[in-house]
Amino acid sequence: MCTKQYIDTAVHWWSAENQPDNEVRTLLSFLFENFDALYFAVSNFPEHWSCDSALSVQSGGTHGMHINMGLSPDKMVLLRSAISLSGDIYCILKRLNSLETRGLKSGIDDLILETEQFRVLRNFFAHFDDRITDFDRHGISGEHSTNCGITYTATAKGCF
């Protein structure tokens, strides 16, 4: 797809006509560079990520841990790239939203709403170090069943 060359030209002429804040031109170019990369990642998503059978894992006790995405390296790269890029796009949009963008505000607001859907997932991976070092804060305690086949027992305390 690679729209960067077209976007840079359009942004140049739009900036000349609208005189937005100085950062806007650079941020718009980088925003669409990230959109191109996200498009590449998503367009290469596999039809099936992993087997359709649910896990059958029970976790209990204190600080029990189970980590298994079950993805091949190529699938893991695509997934993590898409998650990271969606987070970067959100950050760029939030910064653009704080600037004078001369008529782009409603489009930026719409894109912020769309990218907010991925914030919890992006933050989970962006702060993964916190998740695996502070089970008492980020872990699951008590009975809980997940939609991926992990069941936490009543004795679970700070499990991950």
N, C-alpha and C. Protein backbone atom coordinates (compact mmCIF):
# COMPACT_ATOMS: atom_id res chain seq x y z
N MET A 1 0.83 -1.18 0.00
CA MET A 1 0.00 0.00 0.00
C MET A 1 0.89 1.26 0.00
N CYS A 2 1.74 1.44 0.96
CA CYS A 2 2.72 2.52 1.08
C CYS A 2 2.21 3.89 0.59
N THR A 3 1.51 4.55 1.43
CA THR A 3 0.92 5.85 1.09
C THR A 3 1.80 7.02 1.47
N LYS A 4 2.95 6.76 2.10
CA LYS A 4 3.78 7.84 2.66
C LYS A 4 4.10 8.93 1.64
N GLN A 5 4.52 8.58 0.45
CA GLN A 5 4.90 9.60 -0.53
C GLN A 5 3.71 10.49 -0.88
N TYR A 6 2.53 9.89 -0.99
CA TYR A 6 1.33 10.67 -1.31
C TYR A 6 0.91 11.54 -0.13
N ILE A 7 0.99 10.95 1.05
CA ILE A 7 0.62 11.69 2.27
C ILE A 7 1.55 12.87 2.48
N ASP A 8 2.85 12.65 2.32
CA ASP A 8 3.80 13.75 2.53
C ASP A 8 3.52 14.91 1.57
N THR A 9 3.20 14.61 0.34
CA THR A 9 2.86 15.66 -0.62
C THR A 9 1.58 16.37 -0.21
N ALA A 10 0.56 15.59 0.15
CA ALA A 10 -0.72 16.18 0.56
C ALA A 10 -0.55 17.02 1.82
N VAL A 11 0.21 16.52 2.79
CA VAL A 11 0.44 17.25 4.04
C VAL A 11 1.21 18.54 3.76
N HIS A 12 2.16 18.49 2.86
CA HIS A 12 2.92 19.69 2.50
C HIS A 12 1.98 20.79 2.00
N TRP A 13 1.13 20.45 1.03
CA TRP A 13 0.24 21.46 0.45
C TRP A 13 -0.85 21.87 1.43
N TRP A 14 -1.37 20.91 2.20
CA TRP A 14 -2.38 21.24 3.21
C TRP A 14 -1.78 22.19 4.24
N SER A 15 -0.54 21.93 4.67
CA SER A 15 0.12 22.78 5.66
C SER A 15 0.35 24.19 5.11
N ALA A 16 0.71 24.29 3.85
CA ALA A 16 0.93 25.60 3.23
C ALA A 16 -0.37 26.41 3.23
N GLU A 17 -1.49 25.74 3.01
CA GLU A 17 -2.78 26.43 2.96
C GLU A 17 -3.36 26.73 4.33
N ASN A 18 -3.11 25.87 5.32
CA ASN A 18 -3.79 25.97 6.62
C ASN A 18 -2.93 26.47 7.77
N GLN A 19 -1.62 26.47 7.61
CA GLN A 19 -0.71 26.95 8.65
C GLN A 19 -1.00 26.34 10.04
N PRO A 20 -0.97 25.00 10.18
CA PRO A 20 -1.19 24.39 11.49
C PRO A 20 0.05 24.57 12.37
N ASP A 21 -0.02 24.13 13.62
CA ASP A 21 1.15 24.14 14.49
C ASP A 21 2.31 23.42 13.80
N ASN A 22 3.52 23.81 14.11
CA ASN A 22 4.70 23.28 13.45
C ASN A 22 4.82 21.75 13.53
N GLU A 23 4.44 21.18 14.66
CA GLU A 23 4.58 19.73 14.84
C GLU A 23 3.61 18.92 13.99
N VAL A 24 2.52 19.51 13.57
CA VAL A 24 1.46 18.77 12.90
C VAL A 24 1.95 18.09 11.63
N ARG A 25 2.72 18.78 10.84
CA ARG A 25 3.20 18.21 9.57
C ARG A 25 4.01 16.94 9.82
N THR A 26 4.95 17.01 10.74
CA THR A 26 5.79 15.85 11.06
C THR A 26 4.96 14.72 11.65
N LEU A 27 4.06 15.06 12.57
CA LEU A 27 3.23 14.03 13.21
C LEU A 27 2.30 13.36 12.22
N LEU A 28 1.72 14.11 11.29
CA LEU A 28 0.83 13.51 10.29
C LEU A 28 1.61 12.54 9.40
N SER A 29 2.80 12.94 9.00
CA SER A 29 3.62 12.05 8.18
C SER A 29 3.94 10.76 8.94
N PHE A 30 4.34 10.90 10.21
CA PHE A 30 4.67 9.72 11.01
C PHE A 30 3.42 8.88 11.30
N LEU A 31 2.27 9.53 11.49
CA LEU A 31 1.02 8.81 11.70
C LEU A 31 0.73 7.88 10.54
N PHE A 32 0.84 8.40 9.32
CA PHE A 32 0.53 7.56 8.16
C PHE A 32 1.60 6.53 7.89
N GLU A 33 2.83 6.79 8.30
CA GLU A 33 3.87 5.77 8.23
C GLU A 33 3.52 4.59 9.13
N ASN A 34 3.00 4.91 10.31
CA ASN A 34 2.55 3.87 11.24
C ASN A 34 1.32 3.15 10.71
N PHE A 35 0.39 3.88 10.10
CA PHE A 35 -0.78 3.24 9.48
C PHE A 35 -0.35 2.27 8.38
N ASP A 36 0.63 2.66 7.56
CA ASP A 36 1.14 1.75 6.52
C ASP A 36 1.70 0.47 7.14
N ALA A 37 2.47 0.62 8.21
CA ALA A 37 3.06 -0.54 8.88
C ALA A 37 1.97 -1.42 9.50
N LEU A 38 0.96 -0.78 10.11
CA LEU A 38 -0.14 -1.54 10.69
C LEU A 38 -0.92 -2.27 9.61
N TYR A 39 -1.15 -1.62 8.49
CA TYR A 39 -1.83 -2.27 7.36
C TYR A 39 -1.05 -3.50 6.91
N PHE A 40 0.26 -3.37 6.81
CA PHE A 40 1.10 -4.50 6.41
C PHE A 40 0.95 -5.66 7.40
N ALA A 41 1.04 -5.35 8.69
CA ALA A 41 0.93 -6.40 9.71
C ALA A 41 -0.43 -7.08 9.65
N VAL A 42 -1.49 -6.28 9.62
CA VAL A 42 -2.85 -6.84 9.65
C VAL A 42 -3.16 -7.60 8.37
N SER A 43 -2.69 -7.11 7.24
CA SER A 43 -2.98 -7.81 5.98
C SER A 43 -2.26 -9.15 5.89
N ASN A 44 -1.28 -9.35 6.75
CA ASN A 44 -0.57 -10.63 6.80
C ASN A 44 -1.02 -11.52 7.95
N PHE A 45 -2.07 -11.11 8.65
CA PHE A 45 -2.61 -11.96 9.71
C PHE A 45 -3.05 -13.29 9.10
N PRO A 46 -2.78 -14.37 9.80
CA PRO A 46 -3.23 -15.68 9.30
C PRO A 46 -4.74 -15.83 9.46
N GLU A 47 -5.30 -16.72 8.68
CA GLU A 47 -6.74 -16.99 8.80
C GLU A 47 -7.05 -17.61 10.15
N HIS A 48 -6.16 -18.47 10.63
CA HIS A 48 -6.30 -19.10 11.95
C HIS A 48 -5.01 -18.85 12.72
N TRP A 49 -5.15 -18.38 13.95
CA TRP A 49 -3.97 -18.08 14.77
C TRP A 49 -3.41 -19.34 15.41
N SER A 50 -4.25 -20.17 15.94
CA SER A 50 -3.79 -21.38 16.61
C SER A 50 -4.92 -22.39 16.54
N CYS A 51 -4.73 -23.51 17.18
CA CYS A 51 -5.78 -24.52 17.16
C CYS A 51 -7.03 -23.98 17.85
N ASP A 52 -8.16 -24.49 17.46
CA ASP A 52 -9.44 -24.01 18.00
C ASP A 52 -9.81 -24.63 19.33
N SER A 53 -9.07 -25.64 19.76
CA SER A 53 -9.43 -26.30 21.01
C SER A 53 -9.00 -25.44 22.20
N ALA A 54 -9.89 -25.32 23.16
CA ALA A 54 -9.62 -24.51 24.35
C ALA A 54 -8.62 -25.22 25.25
N LEU A 55 -7.88 -24.47 25.98
CA LEU A 55 -6.97 -25.03 26.97
C LEU A 55 -7.78 -25.64 28.11
N SER A 56 -7.15 -26.47 28.85
CA SER A 56 -7.78 -27.00 30.05
C SER A 56 -6.72 -26.91 31.16
N VAL A 57 -6.60 -25.69 31.69
CA VAL A 57 -5.57 -25.42 32.70
C VAL A 57 -6.25 -24.96 33.97
N GLN A 58 -5.83 -25.53 35.10
CA GLN A 58 -6.28 -25.06 36.41
C GLN A 58 -5.10 -24.44 37.11
N SER A 59 -5.34 -23.28 37.71
CA SER A 59 -4.28 -22.59 38.43
C SER A 59 -4.77 -22.25 39.82
N GLY A 60 -3.94 -22.48 40.79
CA GLY A 60 -4.30 -22.19 42.17
C GLY A 60 -3.05 -21.99 42.99
N GLY A 61 -3.22 -21.82 44.26
CA GLY A 61 -2.07 -21.58 45.13
C GLY A 61 -1.63 -20.13 45.03
N THR A 62 -0.43 -19.87 45.49
CA THR A 62 0.10 -18.51 45.49
C THR A 62 1.09 -18.32 44.36
N HIS A 63 0.86 -17.30 43.56
CA HIS A 63 1.73 -16.88 42.46
C HIS A 63 1.93 -17.97 41.41
N GLY A 64 0.88 -18.73 41.12
CA GLY A 64 0.95 -19.69 40.03
C GLY A 64 1.02 -18.94 38.71
N MET A 65 1.78 -19.47 37.76
CA MET A 65 1.96 -18.77 36.49
C MET A 65 1.76 -19.72 35.32
N HIS A 66 1.04 -19.23 34.31
CA HIS A 66 0.89 -19.97 33.07
C HIS A 66 0.95 -18.96 31.93
N ILE A 67 1.97 -19.06 31.10
CA ILE A 67 2.10 -18.19 29.92
C ILE A 67 2.30 -19.09 28.72
N ASN A 68 1.38 -19.01 27.77
CA ASN A 68 1.51 -19.79 26.54
C ASN A 68 0.59 -19.19 25.50
N MET A 69 1.16 -18.43 24.59
CA MET A 69 0.35 -17.84 23.52
C MET A 69 0.11 -18.87 22.43
N GLY A 70 0.97 -19.86 22.33
CA GLY A 70 0.79 -20.91 21.34
C GLY A 70 0.91 -20.43 19.90
N LEU A 71 1.70 -19.39 19.68
CA LEU A 71 1.87 -18.85 18.33
C LEU A 71 3.26 -19.15 17.80
N SER A 72 3.34 -19.38 16.51
CA SER A 72 4.65 -19.53 15.88
C SER A 72 5.33 -18.16 15.86
N PRO A 73 6.64 -18.11 15.71
CA PRO A 73 7.34 -16.82 15.74
C PRO A 73 6.80 -15.80 14.73
N ASP A 74 6.46 -16.25 13.52
CA ASP A 74 5.96 -15.31 12.52
C ASP A 74 4.60 -14.72 12.92
N LYS A 75 3.76 -15.53 13.55
CA LYS A 75 2.47 -15.03 14.02
C LYS A 75 2.65 -14.10 15.23
N MET A 76 3.58 -14.45 16.11
CA MET A 76 3.84 -13.62 17.28
C MET A 76 4.35 -12.24 16.84
N VAL A 77 5.23 -12.20 15.85
CA VAL A 77 5.75 -10.92 15.35
C VAL A 77 4.61 -10.07 14.79
N LEU A 78 3.73 -10.66 14.01
CA LEU A 78 2.62 -9.90 13.44
C LEU A 78 1.69 -9.37 14.53
N LEU A 79 1.35 -10.22 15.49
CA LEU A 79 0.44 -9.81 16.55
C LEU A 79 1.05 -8.69 17.39
N ARG A 80 2.28 -8.91 17.87
CA ARG A 80 2.91 -7.91 18.73
C ARG A 80 3.17 -6.61 17.98
N SER A 81 3.51 -6.70 16.70
CA SER A 81 3.71 -5.49 15.89
C SER A 81 2.43 -4.70 15.77
N ALA A 82 1.34 -5.38 15.48
CA ALA A 82 0.05 -4.69 15.33
C ALA A 82 -0.38 -4.03 16.63
N ILE A 83 -0.18 -4.72 17.74
CA ILE A 83 -0.54 -4.16 19.05
C ILE A 83 0.30 -2.92 19.33
N SER A 84 1.59 -3.02 19.10
CA SER A 84 2.50 -1.90 19.36
C SER A 84 2.18 -0.71 18.45
N LEU A 85 1.98 -0.98 17.18
CA LEU A 85 1.68 0.09 16.23
C LEU A 85 0.36 0.79 16.57
N SER A 86 -0.63 0.02 17.01
CA SER A 86 -1.91 0.66 17.38
C SER A 86 -1.70 1.59 18.58
N GLY A 87 -0.81 1.20 19.50
CA GLY A 87 -0.50 2.07 20.63
C GLY A 87 0.24 3.32 20.21
N ASP A 88 1.18 3.17 19.27
CA ASP A 88 1.91 4.33 18.77
C ASP A 88 0.97 5.29 18.05
N ILE A 89 0.07 4.74 17.26
CA ILE A 89 -0.91 5.56 16.53
C ILE A 89 -1.77 6.34 17.52
N TYR A 90 -2.21 5.68 18.58
CA TYR A 90 -3.01 6.35 19.61
C TYR A 90 -2.23 7.53 20.21
N CYS A 91 -0.95 7.31 20.54
CA CYS A 91 -0.13 8.37 21.14
C CYS A 91 0.05 9.55 20.18
N ILE A 92 0.27 9.26 18.92
CA ILE A 92 0.42 10.33 17.93
C ILE A 92 -0.89 11.12 17.81
N LEU A 93 -2.01 10.40 17.77
CA LEU A 93 -3.31 11.06 17.66
C LEU A 93 -3.60 11.94 18.88
N LYS A 94 -3.27 11.44 20.07
CA LYS A 94 -3.50 12.24 21.28
C LYS A 94 -2.68 13.53 21.22
N ARG A 95 -1.44 13.43 20.74
CA ARG A 95 -0.61 14.64 20.62
C ARG A 95 -1.20 15.58 19.56
N LEU A 96 -1.61 15.04 18.43
CA LEU A 96 -2.23 15.87 17.39
C LEU A 96 -3.46 16.57 17.93
N ASN A 97 -4.22 15.87 18.76
CA ASN A 97 -5.46 16.42 19.32
C ASN A 97 -5.19 17.62 20.23
N SER A 98 -3.99 17.72 20.75
CA SER A 98 -3.65 18.84 21.63
C SER A 98 -3.11 20.04 20.85
N LEU A 99 -2.95 19.90 19.55
CA LEU A 99 -2.40 20.96 18.72
C LEU A 99 -3.49 21.59 17.85
N GLU A 100 -3.16 22.69 17.25
CA GLU A 100 -4.08 23.33 16.29
C GLU A 100 -3.93 22.62 14.96
N THR A 101 -4.93 21.84 14.60
CA THR A 101 -4.84 21.01 13.39
C THR A 101 -5.73 21.53 12.26
N ARG A 102 -6.33 22.67 12.42
CA ARG A 102 -7.06 23.34 11.34
C ARG A 102 -8.03 22.44 10.60
N GLY A 103 -9.07 22.02 11.28
CA GLY A 103 -10.14 21.27 10.63
C GLY A 103 -10.00 19.76 10.67
N LEU A 104 -8.95 19.25 11.23
CA LEU A 104 -8.76 17.80 11.30
C LEU A 104 -9.28 17.20 12.60
N LYS A 105 -9.72 18.05 13.53
CA LYS A 105 -10.08 17.59 14.87
C LYS A 105 -11.12 16.47 14.88
N SER A 106 -12.18 16.59 14.10
CA SER A 106 -13.22 15.54 14.15
C SER A 106 -12.68 14.20 13.65
N GLY A 107 -11.85 14.21 12.63
CA GLY A 107 -11.25 12.97 12.14
C GLY A 107 -10.29 12.38 13.16
N ILE A 108 -9.53 13.23 13.81
CA ILE A 108 -8.60 12.77 14.85
C ILE A 108 -9.38 12.19 16.02
N ASP A 109 -10.46 12.86 16.41
CA ASP A 109 -11.31 12.35 17.50
C ASP A 109 -11.86 10.97 17.16
N ASP A 110 -12.32 10.79 15.92
CA ASP A 110 -12.85 9.49 15.50
C ASP A 110 -11.78 8.41 15.57
N LEU A 111 -10.58 8.74 15.12
CA LEU A 111 -9.49 7.76 15.15
C LEU A 111 -9.06 7.43 16.58
N ILE A 112 -9.10 8.42 17.46
CA ILE A 112 -8.78 8.16 18.87
C ILE A 112 -9.76 7.15 19.45
N LEU A 113 -11.04 7.34 19.17
CA LEU A 113 -12.05 6.39 19.66
C LEU A 113 -11.79 4.98 19.14
N GLU A 114 -11.41 4.87 17.89
CA GLU A 114 -11.15 3.54 17.31
C GLU A 114 -9.91 2.90 17.93
N THR A 115 -8.86 3.67 18.15
CA THR A 115 -7.62 3.09 18.68
C THR A 115 -7.69 2.85 20.18
N GLU A 116 -8.60 3.52 20.88
CA GLU A 116 -8.76 3.28 22.32
C GLU A 116 -9.18 1.85 22.61
N GLN A 117 -9.80 1.19 21.63
CA GLN A 117 -10.24 -0.20 21.82
C GLN A 117 -9.07 -1.13 22.13
N PHE A 118 -7.87 -0.74 21.73
CA PHE A 118 -6.70 -1.60 21.87
C PHE A 118 -5.79 -1.18 23.02
N ARG A 119 -6.19 -0.17 23.79
CA ARG A 119 -5.34 0.38 24.84
C ARG A 119 -5.04 -0.64 25.95
N VAL A 120 -6.04 -1.37 26.41
CA VAL A 120 -5.82 -2.33 27.50
C VAL A 120 -4.81 -3.39 27.06
N LEU A 121 -5.00 -3.92 25.87
CA LEU A 121 -4.09 -4.94 25.35
C LEU A 121 -2.69 -4.37 25.14
N ARG A 122 -2.60 -3.19 24.56
CA ARG A 122 -1.31 -2.55 24.34
C ARG A 122 -0.61 -2.28 25.66
N ASN A 123 -1.34 -1.77 26.65
CA ASN A 123 -0.74 -1.48 27.95
C ASN A 123 -0.30 -2.74 28.67
N PHE A 124 -1.05 -3.83 28.48
CA PHE A 124 -0.65 -5.11 29.08
C PHE A 124 0.75 -5.48 28.61
N PHE A 125 0.97 -5.45 27.31
CA PHE A 125 2.27 -5.83 26.78
C PHE A 125 3.33 -4.76 27.01
N ALA A 126 2.95 -3.49 26.95
CA ALA A 126 3.93 -2.42 27.16
C ALA A 126 4.46 -2.43 28.59
N HIS A 127 3.66 -2.89 29.52
CA HIS A 127 4.06 -2.94 30.93
C HIS A 127 4.15 -4.39 31.42
N PHE A 128 4.58 -5.26 30.53
CA PHE A 128 4.65 -6.68 30.83
C PHE A 128 5.59 -6.95 32.01
N ASP A 129 6.63 -6.14 32.14
CA ASP A 129 7.55 -6.33 33.26
C ASP A 129 6.84 -6.19 34.59
N ASP A 130 5.91 -5.24 34.70
CA ASP A 130 5.13 -5.10 35.93
C ASP A 130 4.27 -6.34 36.17
N ARG A 131 3.70 -6.88 35.12
CA ARG A 131 2.80 -8.03 35.25
C ARG A 131 3.51 -9.26 35.80
N ILE A 132 4.74 -9.48 35.35
CA ILE A 132 5.43 -10.71 35.76
C ILE A 132 6.31 -10.52 36.99
N THR A 133 6.35 -9.31 37.54
CA THR A 133 7.14 -9.10 38.76
C THR A 133 6.28 -8.73 39.96
N ASP A 134 5.03 -8.35 39.75
CA ASP A 134 4.16 -7.96 40.87
C ASP A 134 2.83 -8.71 40.77
N PHE A 135 2.87 -10.00 41.08
CA PHE A 135 1.67 -10.83 40.98
C PHE A 135 0.58 -10.40 41.95
N ASP A 136 0.98 -9.91 43.11
CA ASP A 136 -0.04 -9.51 44.08
C ASP A 136 -0.90 -8.36 43.54
N ARG A 137 -0.29 -7.49 42.79
CA ARG A 137 -1.04 -6.36 42.23
C ARG A 137 -1.76 -6.72 40.93
N HIS A 138 -1.11 -7.48 40.05
CA HIS A 138 -1.64 -7.73 38.72
C HIS A 138 -2.21 -9.13 38.52
N GLY A 139 -2.03 -9.99 39.50
CA GLY A 139 -2.48 -11.36 39.35
C GLY A 139 -3.96 -11.53 39.65
N ILE A 140 -4.42 -12.75 39.48
CA ILE A 140 -5.82 -13.11 39.74
C ILE A 140 -5.88 -13.86 41.06
N SER A 141 -6.79 -13.45 41.90
CA SER A 141 -7.00 -14.12 43.18
C SER A 141 -8.44 -14.57 43.28
N GLY A 142 -8.63 -15.80 43.74
CA GLY A 142 -9.98 -16.34 43.87
C GLY A 142 -10.46 -17.03 42.60
N GLU A 143 -11.64 -17.61 42.69
CA GLU A 143 -12.21 -18.35 41.57
C GLU A 143 -12.49 -17.45 40.39
N HIS A 144 -12.07 -17.92 39.22
CA HIS A 144 -12.31 -17.17 38.00
C HIS A 144 -12.08 -18.10 36.81
N SER A 145 -12.96 -18.04 35.84
CA SER A 145 -12.78 -18.80 34.60
C SER A 145 -12.57 -17.83 33.45
N THR A 146 -11.55 -18.07 32.65
CA THR A 146 -11.27 -17.22 31.50
C THR A 146 -11.92 -17.81 30.26
N ASN A 147 -11.98 -17.02 29.19
CA ASN A 147 -12.54 -17.51 27.94
C ASN A 147 -11.52 -18.27 27.11
N CYS A 148 -10.32 -18.46 27.65
CA CYS A 148 -9.31 -19.22 26.91
C CYS A 148 -9.01 -20.57 27.56
N GLY A 149 -9.79 -20.95 28.56
CA GLY A 149 -9.65 -22.28 29.13
C GLY A 149 -8.84 -22.37 30.41
N ILE A 150 -8.48 -21.23 30.99
CA ILE A 150 -7.77 -21.26 32.27
C ILE A 150 -8.79 -21.02 33.38
N THR A 151 -8.82 -21.91 34.34
CA THR A 151 -9.71 -21.79 35.49
C THR A 151 -8.87 -21.59 36.73
N TYR A 152 -9.15 -20.51 37.45
CA TYR A 152 -8.46 -20.22 38.69
C TYR A 152 -9.33 -20.74 39.83
N THR A 153 -8.71 -21.45 40.75
CA THR A 153 -9.45 -22.06 41.86
C THR A 153 -9.61 -21.06 43.00
N ALA A 154 -10.38 -21.44 43.99
CA ALA A 154 -10.62 -20.58 45.16
C ALA A 154 -9.34 -20.28 45.91
N THR A 155 -8.35 -21.16 45.78
CA THR A 155 -7.09 -20.95 46.50
C THR A 155 -6.11 -20.04 45.73
N ALA A 156 -6.48 -19.62 44.54
CA ALA A 156 -5.59 -18.79 43.73
C ALA A 156 -5.34 -17.44 44.41
N LYS A 157 -4.06 -17.09 44.51
CA LYS A 157 -3.69 -15.80 45.08
C LYS A 157 -2.55 -15.23 44.25
N GLY A 158 -2.85 -14.15 43.55
CA GLY A 158 -1.82 -13.49 42.73
C GLY A 158 -1.31 -14.36 41.62
N CYS A 159 -2.20 -15.11 41.00
CA CYS A 159 -1.79 -16.00 39.90
C CYS A 159 -1.78 -15.22 38.57
N PHE A 160 -0.96 -15.70 37.65
CA PHE A 160 -0.80 -15.03 36.36
C PHE A 160 -0.80 -16.09 35.28
